[in-house]
PDB file of N, CA and C in Angstrom:
ATOM      1  N   MET A   1       4.866  -3.430 -17.978  1.00  0.00           N
ATOM      2  CA  MET A   1       4.290  -3.626 -16.659  1.00  0.00           C
ATOM      3  C   MET A   1       3.143  -2.656 -16.447  1.00  0.00           C
ATOM      4  N   SER A   2       2.172  -3.115 -15.695  1.00  0.00           N
ATOM      5  CA  SER A   2       1.019  -2.262 -15.449  1.00  0.00           C
ATOM      6  C   SER A   2       1.205  -1.475 -14.157  1.00  0.00           C
ATOM      7  N   ALA A   3       0.522  -0.368 -14.084  1.00  0.00           N
ATOM      8  CA  ALA A   3       0.579   0.462 -12.892  1.00  0.00           C
ATOM      9  C   ALA A   3      -0.510   0.027 -11.917  1.00  0.00           C
ATOM     10  N   VAL A   4      -0.199   0.125 -10.633  1.00  0.00           N
ATOM     11  CA  VAL A   4      -1.138  -0.219  -9.583  1.00  0.00           C
ATOM     12  C   VAL A   4      -1.356   1.030  -8.740  1.00  0.00           C
ATOM     13  N   LYS A   5      -2.609   1.333  -8.485  1.00  0.00           N
ATOM     14  CA  LYS A   5      -2.970   2.498  -7.682  1.00  0.00           C
ATOM     15  C   LYS A   5      -3.337   2.005  -6.282  1.00  0.00           C
ATOM     16  N   ILE A   6      -2.677   2.554  -5.261  1.00  0.00           N
ATOM     17  CA  ILE A   6      -2.860   2.107  -3.886  1.00  0.00           C
ATOM     18  C   ILE A   6      -3.379   3.283  -3.067  1.00  0.00           C
ATOM     19  N   THR A   7      -4.474   3.067  -2.333  1.00  0.00           N
ATOM     20  CA  THR A   7      -5.066   4.106  -1.492  1.00  0.00           C
ATOM     21  C   THR A   7      -5.161   3.579  -0.067  1.00  0.00           C
ATOM     22  N   GLN A   8      -4.701   4.384   0.888  1.00  0.00           N
ATOM     23  CA  GLN A   8      -4.823   3.984   2.289  1.00  0.00           C
ATOM     24  C   GLN A   8      -6.246   4.262   2.753  1.00  0.00           C
ATOM     25  N   VAL A   9      -6.900   3.246   3.329  1.00  0.00           N
ATOM     26  CA  VAL A   9      -8.289   3.384   3.752  1.00  0.00           C
ATOM     27  C   VAL A   9      -8.467   3.204   5.255  1.00  0.00           C
ATOM     28  N   ARG A  10      -7.439   2.711   5.957  1.00  0.00           N
ATOM     29  CA  ARG A  10      -7.517   2.559   7.400  1.00  0.00           C
ATOM     30  C   ARG A  10      -6.284   3.164   8.041  1.00  0.00           C
ATOM     31  N   SER A  11      -6.415   3.548   9.297  1.00  0.00           N
ATOM     32  CA  SER A  11      -5.343   4.190  10.034  1.00  0.00           C
ATOM     33  C   SER A  11      -4.234   3.207  10.380  1.00  0.00           C
ATOM     34  N   GLY A  12      -3.025   3.728  10.475  1.00  0.00           N
ATOM     35  CA  GLY A  12      -1.885   2.929  10.887  1.00  0.00           C
ATOM     36  C   GLY A  12      -1.697   2.907  12.393  1.00  0.00           C
ATOM     37  N   ILE A  13      -2.537   3.620  13.132  1.00  0.00           N
ATOM     38  CA  ILE A  13      -2.421   3.658  14.591  1.00  0.00           C
ATOM     39  C   ILE A  13      -2.630   2.257  15.150  1.00  0.00           C
ATOM     40  N   GLY A  14      -1.742   1.847  16.024  1.00  0.00           N
ATOM     41  CA  GLY A  14      -1.839   0.536  16.643  1.00  0.00           C
ATOM     42  C   GLY A  14      -1.173  -0.571  15.843  1.00  0.00           C
ATOM     43  N   GLN A  15      -0.662  -0.252  14.664  1.00  0.00           N
ATOM     44  CA  GLN A  15       0.018  -1.247  13.833  1.00  0.00           C
ATOM     45  C   GLN A  15       1.478  -1.353  14.262  1.00  0.00           C
ATOM     46  N   THR A  16       2.126  -2.418  13.849  1.00  0.00           N
ATOM     47  CA  THR A  16       3.528  -2.610  14.190  1.00  0.00           C
ATOM     48  C   THR A  16       4.393  -1.601  13.433  1.00  0.00           C
ATOM     49  N   ASP A  17       5.602  -1.404  13.932  1.00  0.00           N
ATOM     50  CA  ASP A  17       6.535  -0.500  13.256  1.00  0.00           C
ATOM     51  C   ASP A  17       6.833  -0.977  11.842  1.00  0.00           C
ATOM     52  N   ARG A  18       6.816  -2.266  11.654  1.00  0.00           N
ATOM     53  CA  ARG A  18       7.069  -2.843  10.334  1.00  0.00           C
ATOM     54  C   ARG A  18       5.972  -2.445   9.342  1.00  0.00           C
ATOM     55  N   HIS A  19       4.712  -2.485   9.777  1.00  0.00           N
ATOM     56  CA  HIS A  19       3.604  -2.085   8.904  1.00  0.00           C
ATOM     57  C   HIS A  19       3.651  -0.595   8.621  1.00  0.00           C
ATOM     58  N   LEU A  20       3.961   0.200   9.629  1.00  0.00           N
ATOM     59  CA  LEU A  20       4.051   1.649   9.426  1.00  0.00           C
ATOM     60  C   LEU A  20       5.169   1.987   8.451  1.00  0.00           C
ATOM     61  N   GLY A  21       6.286   1.276   8.556  1.00  0.00           N
ATOM     62  CA  GLY A  21       7.390   1.487   7.630  1.00  0.00           C
ATOM     63  C   GLY A  21       7.026   1.112   6.206  1.00  0.00           C
ATOM     64  N   THR A  22       6.249   0.061   6.066  1.00  0.00           N
ATOM     65  CA  THR A  22       5.805  -0.362   4.736  1.00  0.00           C
ATOM     66  C   THR A  22       4.880   0.688   4.128  1.00  0.00           C
ATOM     67  N   LEU A  23       3.958   1.219   4.936  1.00  0.00           N
ATOM     68  CA  LEU A  23       3.078   2.287   4.434  1.00  0.00           C
ATOM     69  C   LEU A  23       3.898   3.484   3.973  1.00  0.00           C
ATOM     70  N   ARG A  24       4.893   3.858   4.773  1.00  0.00           N
ATOM     71  CA  ARG A  24       5.727   5.013   4.427  1.00  0.00           C
ATOM     72  C   ARG A  24       6.506   4.734   3.143  1.00  0.00           C
ATOM     73  N   ALA A  25       7.021   3.530   2.985  1.00  0.00           N
ATOM     74  CA  ALA A  25       7.775   3.171   1.780  1.00  0.00           C
ATOM     75  C   ALA A  25       6.883   3.185   0.540  1.00  0.00           C
ATOM     76  N   LEU A  26       5.598   2.919   0.732  1.00  0.00           N
ATOM     77  CA  LEU A  26       4.648   2.961  -0.382  1.00  0.00           C
ATOM     78  C   LEU A  26       4.239   4.389  -0.725  1.00  0.00           C
ATOM     79  N   GLY A  27       4.623   5.349   0.113  1.00  0.00           N
ATOM     80  CA  GLY A  27       4.248   6.738  -0.135  1.00  0.00           C
ATOM     81  C   GLY A  27       2.925   7.095   0.502  1.00  0.00           C
ATOM     82  N   LEU A  28       2.508   6.321   1.494  1.00  0.00           N
ATOM     83  CA  LEU A  28       1.244   6.568   2.176  1.00  0.00           C
ATOM     84  C   LEU A  28       1.540   7.049   3.600  1.00  0.00           C
ATOM     85  N   GLY A  29       0.556   7.063   4.461  1.00  0.00           N
ATOM     86  CA  GLY A  29       0.771   7.480   5.843  1.00  0.00           C
ATOM     87  C   GLY A  29      -0.446   8.147   6.436  1.00  0.00           C
ATOM     88  N   LYS A  30      -1.325   8.628   5.599  1.00  0.00           N
ATOM     89  CA  LYS A  30      -2.574   9.230   6.059  1.00  0.00           C
ATOM     90  C   LYS A  30      -3.728   8.629   5.262  1.00  0.00           C
ATOM     91  N   ILE A  31      -4.866   8.503   5.907  1.00  0.00           N
ATOM     92  CA  ILE A  31      -6.042   7.955   5.239  1.00  0.00           C
ATOM     93  C   ILE A  31      -6.406   8.841   4.049  1.00  0.00           C
ATOM     94  N   GLY A  32      -6.677   8.213   2.927  1.00  0.00           N
ATOM     95  CA  GLY A  32      -7.069   8.936   1.724  1.00  0.00           C
ATOM     96  C   GLY A  32      -5.928   9.213   0.769  1.00  0.00           C
ATOM     97  N   ARG A  33      -4.698   9.037   1.202  1.00  0.00           N
ATOM     98  CA  ARG A  33      -3.566   9.258   0.296  1.00  0.00           C
ATOM     99  C   ARG A  33      -3.491   8.140  -0.719  1.00  0.00           C
ATOM    100  N   THR A  34      -3.108   8.508  -1.933  1.00  0.00           N
ATOM    101  CA  THR A  34      -3.015   7.549  -3.031  1.00  0.00           C
ATOM    102  C   THR A  34      -1.626   7.617  -3.639  1.00  0.00           C
ATOM    103  N   ALA A  35      -1.093   6.460  -3.990  1.00  0.00           N
ATOM    104  CA  ALA A  35       0.207   6.371  -4.658  1.00  0.00           C
ATOM    105  C   ALA A  35       0.075   5.410  -5.823  1.00  0.00           C
ATOM    106  N   GLU A  36       0.894   5.623  -6.829  1.00  0.00           N
ATOM    107  CA  GLU A  36       0.872   4.760  -8.009  1.00  0.00           C
ATOM    108  C   GLU A  36       2.263   4.177  -8.203  1.00  0.00           C
ATOM    109  N   HIS A  37       2.330   2.854  -8.366  1.00  0.00           N
ATOM    110  CA  HIS A  37       3.594   2.145  -8.513  1.00  0.00           C
ATOM    111  C   HIS A  37       3.485   1.130  -9.636  1.00  0.00           C
ATOM    112  N   GLU A  38       4.642   0.755 -10.179  1.00  0.00           N
ATOM    113  CA  GLU A  38       4.695  -0.331 -11.153  1.00  0.00           C
ATOM    114  C   GLU A  38       4.493  -1.652 -10.425  1.00  0.00           C
ATOM    115  N   ASP A  39       3.792  -2.564 -11.050  1.00  0.00           N
ATOM    116  CA  ASP A  39       3.486  -3.855 -10.454  1.00  0.00           C
ATOM    117  C   ASP A  39       4.703  -4.770 -10.533  1.00  0.00           C
ATOM    118  N   THR A  40       5.349  -5.000  -9.389  1.00  0.00           N
ATOM    119  CA  THR A  40       6.511  -5.883  -9.310  1.00  0.00           C
ATOM    120  C   THR A  40       6.300  -6.889  -8.188  1.00  0.00           C
ATOM    121  N   ALA A  41       7.172  -7.872  -8.123  1.00  0.00           N
ATOM    122  CA  ALA A  41       7.090  -8.873  -7.058  1.00  0.00           C
ATOM    123  C   ALA A  41       7.319  -8.229  -5.694  1.00  0.00           C
ATOM    124  N   GLN A  42       8.235  -7.262  -5.614  1.00  0.00           N
ATOM    125  CA  GLN A  42       8.507  -6.585  -4.353  1.00  0.00           C
ATOM    126  C   GLN A  42       7.288  -5.807  -3.882  1.00  0.00           C
ATOM    127  N   LEU A  43       6.615  -5.144  -4.806  1.00  0.00           N
ATOM    128  CA  LEU A  43       5.419  -4.385  -4.461  1.00  0.00           C
ATOM    129  C   LEU A  43       4.329  -5.323  -3.966  1.00  0.00           C
ATOM    130  N   ARG A  44       4.150  -6.466  -4.625  1.00  0.00           N
ATOM    131  CA  ARG A  44       3.128  -7.426  -4.204  1.00  0.00           C
ATOM    132  C   ARG A  44       3.380  -7.898  -2.772  1.00  0.00           C
ATOM    133  N   GLY A  45       4.646  -8.112  -2.411  1.00  0.00           N
ATOM    134  CA  GLY A  45       4.977  -8.517  -1.049  1.00  0.00           C
ATOM    135  C   GLY A  45       4.653  -7.436  -0.044  1.00  0.00           C
ATOM    136  N   MET A  46       4.928  -6.188  -0.389  1.00  0.00           N
ATOM    137  CA  MET A  46       4.617  -5.071   0.502  1.00  0.00           C
ATOM    138  C   MET A  46       3.107  -4.941   0.685  1.00  0.00           C
ATOM    139  N   LEU A  47       2.363  -5.090  -0.394  1.00  0.00           N
ATOM    140  CA  LEU A  47       0.908  -4.975  -0.321  1.00  0.00           C
ATOM    141  C   LEU A  47       0.302  -6.120   0.476  1.00  0.00           C
ATOM    142  N   ARG A  48       0.884  -7.296   0.389  1.00  0.00           N
ATOM    143  CA  ARG A  48       0.388  -8.431   1.171  1.00  0.00           C
ATOM    144  C   ARG A  48       0.535  -8.150   2.665  1.00  0.00           C
ATOM    145  N   GLN A  49       1.584  -7.433   3.025  1.00  0.00           N
ATOM    146  CA  GLN A  49       1.838  -7.134   4.433  1.00  0.00           C
ATOM    147  C   GLN A  49       0.828  -6.145   5.013  1.00  0.00           C
ATOM    148  N   VAL A  50       0.355  -5.214   4.205  1.00  0.00           N
ATOM    149  CA  VAL A  50      -0.561  -4.171   4.710  1.00  0.00           C
ATOM    150  C   VAL A  50      -1.914  -4.209   3.997  1.00  0.00           C
ATOM    151  N   ARG A  51      -2.321  -5.372   3.515  1.00  0.00           N
ATOM    152  CA  ARG A  51      -3.564  -5.482   2.742  1.00  0.00           C
ATOM    153  C   ARG A  51      -4.789  -5.083   3.547  1.00  0.00           C
ATOM    154  N   HIS A  52      -4.727  -5.141   4.871  1.00  0.00           N
ATOM    155  CA  HIS A  52      -5.864  -4.763   5.700  1.00  0.00           C
ATOM    156  C   HIS A  52      -5.976  -3.250   5.872  1.00  0.00           C
ATOM    157  N   LEU A  53      -5.003  -2.491   5.375  1.00  0.00           N
ATOM    158  CA  LEU A  53      -5.002  -1.039   5.526  1.00  0.00           C
ATOM    159  C   LEU A  53      -5.199  -0.286   4.214  1.00  0.00           C
ATOM    160  N   VAL A  54      -5.102  -0.964   3.093  1.00  0.00           N
ATOM    161  CA  VAL A  54      -5.119  -0.286   1.796  1.00  0.00           C
ATOM    162  C   VAL A  54      -6.160  -0.881   0.855  1.00  0.00           C
ATOM    163  N   ARG A  55      -6.509  -0.088  -0.167  1.00  0.00           N
ATOM    164  CA  ARG A  55      -7.334  -0.558  -1.279  1.00  0.00           C
ATOM    165  C   ARG A  55      -6.445  -0.519  -2.511  1.00  0.00           C
ATOM    166  N   ILE A  56      -6.507  -1.576  -3.305  1.00  0.00           N
ATOM    167  CA  ILE A  56      -5.641  -1.700  -4.474  1.00  0.00           C
ATOM    168  C   ILE A  56      -6.498  -1.631  -5.726  1.00  0.00           C
ATOM    169  N   ASP A  57      -6.198  -0.693  -6.606  1.00  0.00           N
ATOM    170  CA  ASP A  57      -6.885  -0.557  -7.874  1.00  0.00           C
ATOM    171  C   ASP A  57      -5.845  -0.662  -8.984  1.00  0.00           C
ATOM    172  N   GLY A  58      -6.150  -1.457  -9.972  1.00  0.00           N
ATOM    173  CA  GLY A  58      -5.212  -1.581 -11.073  1.00  0.00           C
ATOM    174  C   GLY A  58      -5.822  -2.413 -12.171  1.00  0.00           C
ATOM    175  N   LYS A  59      -5.113  -2.521 -13.265  1.00  0.00           N
ATOM    176  CA  LYS A  59      -5.621  -3.261 -14.415  1.00  0.00           C
ATOM    177  C   LYS A  59      -5.757  -4.751 -14.113  1.00  0.00           C
ATOM    178  N   ASP A  60      -4.789  -5.318 -13.393  1.00  0.00           N
ATOM    179  CA  ASP A  60      -4.763  -6.760 -13.165  1.00  0.00           C
ATOM    180  C   ASP A  60      -5.055  -7.160 -11.719  1.00  0.00           C
ATOM    181  N   SER A  61      -5.462  -6.234 -10.867  1.00  0.00           N
ATOM    182  CA  SER A  61      -5.636  -6.598  -9.453  1.00  0.00           C
ATOM    183  C   SER A  61      -7.062  -6.872  -9.096  1.00  0.00           C
TER     184      SER A  61
END
């Protein structure tokens, strides 16, 4: 599996509790923070939920 690098680029202020929880589960929470995760179906679902707040860098993305 390939690794995916996720960087938060927009603030979570004004977002739903569900989106804030997803950011926290991804290891984010502040603009500029970066986390690296294995590319799985669960991760893709989480990223789809907060795609307007993050930038995704990876081999296959």
